[in-house]
Amino acid sequence: MKEEDYAYLATLVEASQHDDSDAFARLYALTYNKVYNYCRHYLRNAFAAQDAVQEIYVTALTNIGKLKDPSVFIAWLNQIAFHTCYDMTKRRDPGYDMPGTEAFDFLEDTVHEDADPAEAAVKRMENSRLQQALDELDFQEKQIVIMRYYNNMKLPEIASALGISLSTVKRHLNQAQEELRRRMSGT
């Protein structure tokens, strides 16, 4: 996100802190897609993601007055999203249907209907192997991979959202990359 975008978001946060519901509606509109995509990838279920998004924005609206630095709104919202999804995962509500084999089913969308059937089969097999490898990662490593590569978050944003140091994020990301390489190469 560009610097001027953060400045604009900060002005919307300040207005929201003064009970401007239109400003919060604009914050919602500007951030919804990224938050929903994060929740969808994390929870692996569209319905659970919608529930999470609702909870995230209720939490944000309720607590926006406590945000001391409006310029860190995105990092703050990411942190709320992470904790909400984490809590939902820990509850393991059967209604969320989160079996490990369906993780990252969005990867299947990369196979086009008009693709050569042989190429499509190879791509689906690669996606399946990647899904399995991701599911077998350490919990925190998996979350960092999702945030970095599927949500295009920067390392400092990930550190802020998870409440860990930047060096810890880098260490876990390197470990995850090595483990994925090892699993994908079959060694």
Protein backbone atom coordinates (compact mmCIF):
# COMPACT_ATOMS: atom_id res chain seq x y z
CA MET A 1 0.00 0.00 0.00
CA LYS A 2 1.29 3.45 -0.85
CA GLU A 3 2.23 5.97 1.83
CA GLU A 4 -0.61 8.30 0.82
CA ASP A 5 -3.07 5.39 1.19
CA TYR A 6 -1.97 4.93 4.80
CA ALA A 7 -2.40 8.65 5.39
CA TYR A 8 -5.91 8.51 3.92
CA LEU A 9 -6.78 5.48 6.07
CA ALA A 10 -5.45 7.33 9.13
CA THR A 11 -7.84 10.23 8.45
CA LEU A 12 -10.71 7.75 8.16
CA VAL A 13 -9.67 6.12 11.43
CA GLU A 14 -9.61 9.48 13.19
CA ALA A 15 -13.07 10.29 11.84
CA SER A 16 -14.31 6.85 12.94
CA GLN A 17 -12.95 7.50 16.40
CA HIS A 18 -15.24 10.55 16.48
CA ASP A 19 -18.30 8.41 15.68
CA ASP A 20 -18.34 9.03 11.92
CA SER A 21 -20.07 5.87 10.66
CA ASP A 22 -19.48 6.84 7.01
CA ALA A 23 -15.73 6.90 7.65
CA PHE A 24 -15.84 3.42 9.17
CA ALA A 25 -17.95 2.21 6.24
CA ARG A 26 -15.23 3.52 3.92
CA LEU A 27 -12.52 1.75 5.97
CA TYR A 28 -14.56 -1.43 5.66
CA ALA A 29 -14.94 -1.02 1.89
CA LEU A 30 -11.21 -0.40 1.42
CA THR A 31 -10.04 -3.34 3.52
CA TYR A 32 -12.78 -5.98 3.19
CA ASN A 33 -11.31 -7.95 0.26
CA LYS A 34 -7.90 -8.38 1.87
CA VAL A 35 -9.41 -9.37 5.22
CA TYR A 36 -11.86 -11.82 3.62
CA ASN A 37 -9.11 -13.43 1.49
CA TYR A 38 -6.92 -13.85 4.54
CA CYS A 39 -9.76 -15.47 6.49
CA ARG A 40 -10.72 -17.67 3.54
CA HIS A 41 -7.17 -18.98 3.20
CA TYR A 42 -6.67 -19.39 6.93
CA LEU A 43 -9.98 -21.09 7.70
CA ARG A 44 -10.31 -22.96 4.39
CA ASN A 45 -14.04 -22.41 4.34
CA ALA A 46 -16.02 -19.58 2.75
CA PHE A 47 -18.79 -19.61 5.36
CA ALA A 48 -16.35 -19.60 8.27
CA ALA A 49 -14.46 -16.76 6.57
CA GLN A 50 -17.65 -14.70 6.35
CA ASP A 51 -18.32 -15.30 10.05
CA ALA A 52 -14.76 -14.31 10.87
CA VAL A 53 -14.94 -11.11 8.81
CA GLN A 54 -18.10 -10.09 10.61
CA GLU A 55 -16.46 -10.71 13.99
CA ILE A 56 -13.30 -8.86 12.93
CA TYR A 57 -15.13 -5.71 11.89
CA VAL A 58 -17.37 -5.73 14.96
CA THR A 59 -14.22 -5.97 17.09
CA ALA A 60 -12.57 -3.20 15.08
CA LEU A 61 -15.59 -0.91 15.36
CA THR A 62 -15.95 -1.57 19.07
CA ASN A 63 -12.27 -0.92 19.80
CA ILE A 64 -11.28 1.70 17.22
CA GLY A 65 -11.29 4.37 19.92
CA LYS A 66 -8.45 2.49 21.66
CA LEU A 67 -6.17 2.70 18.62
CA LYS A 68 -3.63 5.36 19.61
CA ASP A 69 -1.81 5.64 16.27
CA PRO A 70 -4.27 5.72 13.34
CA SER A 71 -1.43 5.16 10.86
CA VAL A 72 -1.07 1.54 12.03
CA PHE A 73 -4.70 0.65 11.31
CA ILE A 74 -3.83 -2.04 8.74
CA ALA A 75 -1.40 -3.81 11.08
CA TRP A 76 -3.96 -3.55 13.89
CA LEU A 77 -6.72 -4.96 11.67
CA ASN A 78 -4.39 -7.79 10.54
CA GLN A 79 -3.72 -8.62 14.16
CA ILE A 80 -7.45 -8.77 14.91
CA ALA A 81 -7.95 -10.98 11.85
CA PHE A 82 -5.19 -13.36 12.90
CA HIS A 83 -6.47 -13.70 16.46
CA THR A 84 -10.07 -14.15 15.33
CA CYS A 85 -9.14 -16.89 12.85
CA TYR A 86 -6.82 -18.51 15.35
CA ASP A 87 -9.58 -18.60 17.97
CA MET A 88 -12.05 -20.03 15.46
CA THR A 89 -9.56 -22.73 14.51
CA LYS A 90 -8.95 -23.62 18.16
CA ARG A 91 -12.68 -23.97 18.81
CA ARG A 92 -12.82 -26.57 16.03
CA ASP A 93 -16.52 -26.07 15.59
CA PRO A 94 -17.76 -28.95 13.41
CA GLY A 95 -19.86 -26.48 11.43
CA TYR A 96 -16.71 -25.00 9.96
CA ASP A 97 -15.74 -28.21 8.12
CA MET A 98 -11.97 -27.75 8.17
CA PRO A 99 -10.47 -31.10 7.15
CA GLY A 100 -6.78 -30.90 6.36
CA THR A 101 -7.07 -32.43 2.90
CA GLU A 102 -9.10 -29.47 1.63
CA ALA A 103 -6.60 -26.86 2.73
CA PHE A 104 -5.73 -24.30 0.12
CA ASP A 105 -8.41 -25.53 -2.28
CA PHE A 106 -8.18 -22.10 -3.93
CA LEU A 107 -5.06 -23.39 -5.72
CA GLU A 108 -7.30 -25.52 -7.91
CA ASP A 109 -8.62 -22.30 -9.46
CA THR A 110 -5.32 -21.96 -11.32
CA VAL A 111 -6.28 -24.87 -13.60
CA HIS A 112 -8.26 -23.46 -16.53
CA GLU A 113 -11.06 -25.42 -18.13
CA ASP A 114 -9.58 -24.98 -21.61
CA ALA A 115 -6.19 -26.33 -20.51
CA ASP A 116 -4.81 -29.53 -21.98
CA PRO A 117 -6.26 -32.39 -19.86
CA ALA A 118 -2.79 -33.83 -19.23
CA GLU A 119 -1.44 -30.45 -18.10
CA ALA A 120 -4.51 -29.92 -15.91
CA ALA A 121 -4.01 -33.32 -14.27
CA VAL A 122 -0.35 -32.55 -13.56
CA LYS A 123 -1.28 -29.14 -12.11
CA ARG A 124 -3.95 -30.67 -9.87
CA MET A 125 -1.47 -33.27 -8.65
CA GLU A 126 1.11 -30.56 -7.88
CA ASN A 127 -1.55 -28.52 -6.06
CA SER A 128 -2.53 -31.56 -4.02
CA ARG A 129 1.09 -32.20 -3.04
CA LEU A 130 1.54 -28.54 -2.11
CA GLN A 131 -1.65 -28.57 -0.03
CA GLN A 132 -0.43 -31.63 1.84
CA ALA A 133 3.03 -30.12 2.39
CA LEU A 134 1.51 -26.88 3.71
CA ASP A 135 -0.80 -28.78 6.05
CA GLU A 136 2.17 -30.65 7.50
CA LEU A 137 4.11 -27.50 8.37
CA ASP A 138 4.44 -26.28 11.94
CA PHE A 139 1.38 -24.15 12.83
CA GLN A 140 3.22 -20.83 13.00
CA GLU A 141 5.26 -21.53 9.87
CA LYS A 142 2.08 -22.33 7.98
CA GLN A 143 0.48 -19.06 9.09
CA ILE A 144 3.52 -17.06 8.04
CA VAL A 145 3.56 -18.74 4.60
CA ILE A 146 -0.14 -17.97 4.14
CA MET A 147 0.32 -14.35 5.17
CA ARG A 148 3.41 -13.84 3.03
CA TYR A 149 2.62 -15.67 -0.19
CA TYR A 150 -1.16 -15.83 -0.33
CA ASN A 151 -1.97 -12.45 1.23
CA ASN A 152 1.13 -10.62 -0.04
CA MET A 153 1.86 -9.21 3.40
CA LYS A 154 5.27 -7.72 4.09
CA LEU A 155 7.42 -9.29 6.79
CA PRO A 156 7.03 -6.35 9.23
CA GLU A 157 3.23 -6.57 8.80
CA ILE A 158 3.35 -10.28 9.59
CA ALA A 159 5.48 -9.65 12.67
CA SER A 160 3.03 -7.01 13.86
CA ALA A 161 -0.04 -9.16 13.19
CA LEU A 162 1.43 -12.16 15.01
CA GLY A 163 3.02 -10.13 17.80
CA ILE A 164 6.48 -11.59 17.19
CA SER A 165 9.81 -10.12 16.14
CA LEU A 166 10.83 -9.62 12.53
CA SER A 167 13.78 -11.99 13.00
CA THR A 168 11.41 -14.70 14.25
CA VAL A 169 9.23 -14.23 11.16
CA LYS A 170 12.29 -14.52 8.91
CA ARG A 171 13.51 -17.64 10.74
CA HIS A 172 10.12 -19.38 10.51
CA LEU A 173 9.73 -18.38 6.86
CA ASN A 174 13.16 -19.79 5.98
CA GLN A 175 12.39 -23.02 7.84
CA ALA A 176 9.04 -23.31 6.06
CA GLN A 177 10.62 -22.71 2.66
CA GLU A 178 13.25 -25.37 3.28
CA GLU A 179 10.64 -27.85 4.48
CA LEU A 180 8.39 -27.17 1.48
CA ARG A 181 11.33 -27.57 -0.91
CA ARG A 182 12.23 -30.85 0.74
CA ARG A 183 8.68 -32.20 0.64
CA MET A 184 8.02 -31.05 -2.93
CA SER A 185 11.28 -32.54 -4.23
CA GLY A 186 10.41 -35.86 -2.58
CA THR A 187 13.61 -36.16 -0.54
